[in-house]
């Protein structure tokens, strides 16, 4: 309260505290924070200086490369002892993309073969299921009267031919046209 009265008596001026024991308690903490910020600023300034130095080095390297490129483009550079180097020069090797591609081709062929066997096994299982279903249909059809058997038989004809053609294709054979009627 005394500090407030003292500040009110001197408007517009920063009050000097007349009593040292009335210093705010956060002054020590504030000083530590200021020191930490100063340390951080010094570290940041050092990092910026290092980055500037690296950037300067890269800029000098780029200027050197550009000057050499401009000299080559302008024909200002001469090759020293080029004749000696050309005497022992070899013809460049012909491009043979087939050589590095062979191992990849073999690996791809192996993968295709493996996948083909797996696909054939899956198809064989699927055809076995279809065959079992067909057998079940035949058994049930045998229990029906003759008129209904003929209707089921005519419906199965196209389905059976398709299954037979796919089965022979699965075996790697050419599909043979069958004139025989499906099993009853």
Foldseek 3Di string as FASTA:
>chain_A
DVVVVVDVVPPPDDDDDPDPVPPDPCPVVVVVVVVVVVVVVVVVVVVVVVVVVVVVVVVVVVVVVVVVVVCVVVVVDDDPPVVVVVVPDDDDDDDDPCVVCVVVVVVVVVVVVVVLVVVLVVVVVVLVVVVVVVVVVLVVLVVDDPVVNVVVQVVCFVVVLVSQCVVCVSVVHHRDDDPDGDDD
